[in-house]
Amino acid sequence: MIVNVVLWVAGIALIAIGYTRAKGPWSRYQALKEQEANASRYNAWRGGIRDDSASGADIAMAILRKRAQYAAAIAIAGFVLVFLGFLVK
């Protein structure tokens, strides 16, 4: 019984930590992605040739995506612990 409670508490804590760590980078990533799509539409409308090399926004998006994935992995580990809390007898 004690092991179950410990696993549940640890799992819920990891879920909360993962969520709070993923929330900021994910929202910023989505905003940068939308700005990138808007710039692409504008350049297509304008008819200009766009430089396809990696920009600072591309690098920032990659960093933010990795941070969000890392935080999601923490949350998934929390879900696994909660699940294990129900399996352990």
N, C-alpha and C. Protein backbone atom coordinates (compact mmCIF):
# COMPACT_ATOMS: atom_id res chain seq x y z
N MET A 1 0.82 -1.20 0.00
CA MET A 1 0.00 0.00 0.00
C MET A 1 0.86 1.26 0.00
N ILE A 2 1.92 1.25 0.79
CA ILE A 2 2.81 2.41 0.86
C ILE A 2 3.50 2.62 -0.49
N VAL A 3 3.90 1.52 -1.14
CA VAL A 3 4.58 1.61 -2.43
C VAL A 3 3.64 2.23 -3.47
N ASN A 4 2.39 1.85 -3.43
CA ASN A 4 1.40 2.40 -4.36
C ASN A 4 1.29 3.92 -4.21
N VAL A 5 1.16 4.37 -2.98
CA VAL A 5 1.01 5.80 -2.71
C VAL A 5 2.26 6.55 -3.14
N VAL A 6 3.42 5.99 -2.86
CA VAL A 6 4.67 6.65 -3.25
C VAL A 6 4.75 6.76 -4.77
N LEU A 7 4.38 5.69 -5.48
CA LEU A 7 4.40 5.73 -6.94
C LEU A 7 3.40 6.74 -7.48
N TRP A 8 2.22 6.81 -6.89
CA TRP A 8 1.21 7.76 -7.34
C TRP A 8 1.67 9.20 -7.12
N VAL A 9 2.20 9.46 -5.94
CA VAL A 9 2.65 10.83 -5.63
C VAL A 9 3.82 11.22 -6.54
N ALA A 10 4.77 10.31 -6.71
CA ALA A 10 5.90 10.61 -7.59
C ALA A 10 5.44 10.79 -9.04
N GLY A 11 4.50 9.97 -9.46
CA GLY A 11 3.97 10.09 -10.82
C GLY A 11 3.24 11.40 -11.04
N ILE A 12 2.41 11.78 -10.10
CA ILE A 12 1.67 13.04 -10.22
C ILE A 12 2.64 14.22 -10.19
N ALA A 13 3.67 14.14 -9.37
CA ALA A 13 4.68 15.21 -9.33
C ALA A 13 5.40 15.32 -10.68
N LEU A 14 5.77 14.18 -11.26
CA LEU A 14 6.44 14.22 -12.56
C LEU A 14 5.53 14.74 -13.67
N ILE A 15 4.27 14.39 -13.61
CA ILE A 15 3.32 14.91 -14.60
C ILE A 15 3.22 16.43 -14.48
N ALA A 16 3.13 16.92 -13.26
CA ALA A 16 3.03 18.37 -13.05
C ALA A 16 4.30 19.09 -13.50
N ILE A 17 5.44 18.52 -13.16
CA ILE A 17 6.72 19.13 -13.57
C ILE A 17 6.85 19.12 -15.09
N GLY A 18 6.52 18.00 -15.71
CA GLY A 18 6.61 17.91 -17.16
C GLY A 18 5.68 18.90 -17.84
N TYR A 19 4.47 19.03 -17.33
CA TYR A 19 3.51 19.96 -17.92
C TYR A 19 3.99 21.40 -17.82
N THR A 20 4.47 21.79 -16.64
CA THR A 20 4.90 23.18 -16.47
C THR A 20 6.15 23.48 -17.29
N ARG A 21 7.02 22.48 -17.44
CA ARG A 21 8.23 22.70 -18.25
C ARG A 21 7.93 22.71 -19.73
N ALA A 22 6.90 22.03 -20.18
CA ALA A 22 6.57 21.95 -21.61
C ALA A 22 5.70 23.11 -22.07
N LYS A 23 4.95 23.67 -21.17
CA LYS A 23 3.96 24.69 -21.54
C LYS A 23 4.59 25.91 -22.22
N GLY A 24 5.62 26.48 -21.64
CA GLY A 24 6.25 27.68 -22.19
C GLY A 24 6.93 27.45 -23.53
N PRO A 25 7.85 26.48 -23.62
CA PRO A 25 8.51 26.25 -24.91
C PRO A 25 7.55 25.85 -26.02
N TRP A 26 6.52 25.08 -25.69
CA TRP A 26 5.59 24.65 -26.73
C TRP A 26 4.79 25.82 -27.29
N SER A 27 4.34 26.72 -26.43
CA SER A 27 3.57 27.87 -26.91
C SER A 27 4.46 28.80 -27.73
N ARG A 28 5.70 28.99 -27.31
CA ARG A 28 6.62 29.83 -28.07
C ARG A 28 6.96 29.18 -29.41
N TYR A 29 7.12 27.86 -29.42
CA TYR A 29 7.39 27.13 -30.65
C TYR A 29 6.23 27.31 -31.64
N GLN A 30 5.00 27.20 -31.15
CA GLN A 30 3.84 27.37 -32.02
C GLN A 30 3.78 28.79 -32.58
N ALA A 31 4.13 29.78 -31.76
CA ALA A 31 4.12 31.17 -32.24
C ALA A 31 5.18 31.38 -33.33
N LEU A 32 6.36 30.84 -33.13
CA LEU A 32 7.41 30.96 -34.15
C LEU A 32 7.04 30.22 -35.43
N LYS A 33 6.40 29.07 -35.28
CA LYS A 33 5.97 28.30 -36.45
C LYS A 33 4.93 29.08 -37.25
N GLU A 34 4.02 29.74 -36.57
CA GLU A 34 3.00 30.55 -37.24
C GLU A 34 3.64 31.75 -37.94
N GLN A 35 4.61 32.39 -37.30
CA GLN A 35 5.30 33.51 -37.94
C GLN A 35 6.05 33.05 -39.18
N GLU A 36 6.66 31.89 -39.11
CA GLU A 36 7.38 31.33 -40.26
C GLU A 36 6.42 31.03 -41.41
N ALA A 37 5.27 30.47 -41.10
CA ALA A 37 4.27 30.19 -42.13
C ALA A 37 3.75 31.49 -42.74
N ASN A 38 3.57 32.51 -41.93
CA ASN A 38 3.11 33.80 -42.41
C ASN A 38 4.15 34.43 -43.34
N ALA A 39 5.42 34.35 -42.97
CA ALA A 39 6.48 34.89 -43.82
C ALA A 39 6.57 34.13 -45.14
N SER A 40 6.37 32.83 -45.09
CA SER A 40 6.38 32.03 -46.32
C SER A 40 5.23 32.41 -47.24
N ARG A 41 4.05 32.62 -46.67
CA ARG A 41 2.90 33.04 -47.49
C ARG A 41 3.15 34.41 -48.09
N TYR A 42 3.73 35.31 -47.32
CA TYR A 42 4.01 36.65 -47.82
C TYR A 42 5.02 36.60 -48.96
N ASN A 43 6.08 35.83 -48.79
CA ASN A 43 7.09 35.74 -49.85
C ASN A 43 6.53 35.08 -51.10
N ALA A 44 5.64 34.10 -50.94
CA ALA A 44 5.02 33.47 -52.10
C ALA A 44 4.11 34.46 -52.82
N TRP A 45 3.39 35.27 -52.08
CA TRP A 45 2.52 36.27 -52.67
C TRP A 45 3.33 37.36 -53.38
N ARG A 46 4.42 37.74 -52.74
CA ARG A 46 5.27 38.80 -53.26
C ARG A 46 6.07 38.33 -54.46
N GLY A 47 6.33 37.04 -54.53
CA GLY A 47 7.07 36.51 -55.65
C GLY A 47 8.57 36.54 -55.45
N GLY A 48 9.00 36.82 -54.26
CA GLY A 48 10.43 36.90 -53.99
C GLY A 48 11.03 35.53 -53.78
N ILE A 49 12.32 35.45 -53.98
CA ILE A 49 13.05 34.21 -53.72
C ILE A 49 13.46 34.22 -52.27
N ARG A 50 13.15 33.14 -51.60
CA ARG A 50 13.45 33.06 -50.18
C ARG A 50 14.71 32.24 -49.95
N ASP A 51 15.56 32.74 -49.10
CA ASP A 51 16.77 32.02 -48.72
C ASP A 51 16.36 30.85 -47.83
N ASP A 52 16.72 29.63 -48.24
CA ASP A 52 16.31 28.43 -47.50
C ASP A 52 17.32 27.98 -46.46
N SER A 53 18.34 28.78 -46.20
CA SER A 53 19.30 28.39 -45.17
C SER A 53 18.66 28.56 -43.79
N ALA A 54 19.25 27.91 -42.81
CA ALA A 54 18.70 27.95 -41.46
C ALA A 54 18.81 29.35 -40.88
N SER A 55 17.70 29.83 -40.39
CA SER A 55 17.68 31.16 -39.77
C SER A 55 17.73 31.01 -38.26
N GLY A 56 17.82 32.13 -37.59
CA GLY A 56 17.80 32.11 -36.13
C GLY A 56 16.50 31.55 -35.59
N ALA A 57 15.40 31.85 -36.30
CA ALA A 57 14.09 31.32 -35.88
C ALA A 57 14.05 29.80 -36.03
N ASP A 58 14.67 29.28 -37.08
CA ASP A 58 14.71 27.82 -37.26
C ASP A 58 15.47 27.14 -36.12
N ILE A 59 16.57 27.74 -35.74
CA ILE A 59 17.38 27.19 -34.65
C ILE A 59 16.62 27.28 -33.33
N ALA A 60 15.97 28.43 -33.10
CA ALA A 60 15.18 28.59 -31.88
C ALA A 60 14.03 27.58 -31.84
N MET A 61 13.39 27.35 -32.98
CA MET A 61 12.30 26.37 -33.03
C MET A 61 12.80 24.98 -32.71
N ALA A 62 13.98 24.63 -33.20
CA ALA A 62 14.54 23.30 -32.90
C ALA A 62 14.84 23.16 -31.41
N ILE A 63 15.38 24.21 -30.81
CA ILE A 63 15.69 24.17 -29.38
C ILE A 63 14.41 24.07 -28.56
N LEU A 64 13.41 24.87 -28.91
CA LEU A 64 12.14 24.85 -28.18
C LEU A 64 11.44 23.50 -28.34
N ARG A 65 11.50 22.93 -29.53
CA ARG A 65 10.88 21.62 -29.76
C ARG A 65 11.55 20.55 -28.89
N LYS A 66 12.89 20.59 -28.80
CA LYS A 66 13.61 19.61 -27.98
C LYS A 66 13.26 19.78 -26.50
N ARG A 67 13.16 21.03 -26.04
CA ARG A 67 12.80 21.27 -24.64
C ARG A 67 11.40 20.74 -24.34
N ALA A 68 10.47 20.97 -25.27
CA ALA A 68 9.10 20.48 -25.07
C ALA A 68 9.06 18.96 -25.10
N GLN A 69 9.85 18.34 -25.97
CA GLN A 69 9.90 16.88 -26.02
C GLN A 69 10.50 16.30 -24.74
N TYR A 70 11.53 16.95 -24.22
CA TYR A 70 12.13 16.50 -22.97
C TYR A 70 11.12 16.58 -21.82
N ALA A 71 10.39 17.68 -21.76
CA ALA A 71 9.39 17.85 -20.71
C ALA A 71 8.25 16.85 -20.88
N ALA A 72 7.87 16.56 -22.13
CA ALA A 72 6.83 15.57 -22.37
C ALA A 72 7.30 14.18 -21.93
N ALA A 73 8.58 13.90 -22.11
CA ALA A 73 9.12 12.61 -21.65
C ALA A 73 9.03 12.50 -20.13
N ILE A 74 9.26 13.60 -19.43
CA ILE A 74 9.12 13.62 -17.97
C ILE A 74 7.67 13.32 -17.58
N ALA A 75 6.73 13.96 -18.28
CA ALA A 75 5.31 13.73 -17.98
C ALA A 75 4.91 12.28 -18.28
N ILE A 76 5.43 11.73 -19.36
CA ILE A 76 5.13 10.34 -19.70
C ILE A 76 5.68 9.40 -18.63
N ALA A 77 6.87 9.70 -18.13
CA ALA A 77 7.42 8.90 -17.03
C ALA A 77 6.50 8.97 -15.81
N GLY A 78 5.91 10.13 -15.58
CA GLY A 78 4.95 10.27 -14.48
C GLY A 78 3.72 9.40 -14.69
N PHE A 79 3.20 9.37 -15.92
CA PHE A 79 2.06 8.51 -16.21
C PHE A 79 2.42 7.04 -16.00
N VAL A 80 3.63 6.66 -16.37
CA VAL A 80 4.07 5.29 -16.18
C VAL A 80 4.11 4.95 -14.69
N LEU A 81 4.63 5.88 -13.88
CA LEU A 81 4.67 5.63 -12.43
C LEU A 81 3.28 5.49 -11.83
N VAL A 82 2.36 6.34 -12.27
CA VAL A 82 0.98 6.24 -11.77
C VAL A 82 0.39 4.89 -12.17
N PHE A 83 0.61 4.49 -13.43
CA PHE A 83 0.13 3.19 -13.88
C PHE A 83 0.74 2.05 -13.07
N LEU A 84 2.04 2.14 -12.82
CA LEU A 84 2.69 1.11 -12.01
C LEU A 84 2.14 1.08 -10.59
N GLY A 85 1.74 2.25 -10.09
CA GLY A 85 1.14 2.32 -8.75
C GLY A 85 -0.13 1.50 -8.67
N PHE A 86 -0.86 1.41 -9.79
CA PHE A 86 -2.07 0.59 -9.78
C PHE A 86 -1.75 -0.89 -9.97
N LEU A 87 -0.65 -1.20 -10.63
CA LEU A 87 -0.31 -2.60 -10.88
C LEU A 87 0.35 -3.29 -9.70
N VAL A 88 1.11 -2.54 -8.92
CA VAL A 88 1.83 -3.14 -7.80
C VAL A 88 0.84 -3.54 -6.71
N LYS A 89 0.98 -4.74 -6.26
CA LYS A 89 0.06 -5.25 -5.22
C LYS A 89 0.79 -5.40 -3.91
